[in-house]
Amino acid sequence: MPLPLSKEIEECRAHAAHCARQAKSAACPDICEDFRRLEQNWLQLARSYEVARQIVSPGTKFDDGGMNAPGSPSPLKP
């Protein structure tokens, strides 16, 4: 059985991937930057859903989306 919020996380990542593709094909640098920001916003929302899922289902491992990469901010602690 899927964990709560799995569908929302997948949808956010799909939107982020779409924005990344749009950024690559944008002719205008300003539009490209807008799509890059949207991509990051969608990824942040996915991470937020992951944290919420972790609170709802403690002990469940989830992909931190690179949040623990060097130089990345620490994930929120419940």
Foldseek 3Di string as FASTA:
>chain_A
DDQPCPVVLVVLQVLLVVLCVCLVPDPDPVSNVVSNVSSVVSNVVSLVSVVVSCVVPPPDDDDNSCCPPPPHDDRDDD
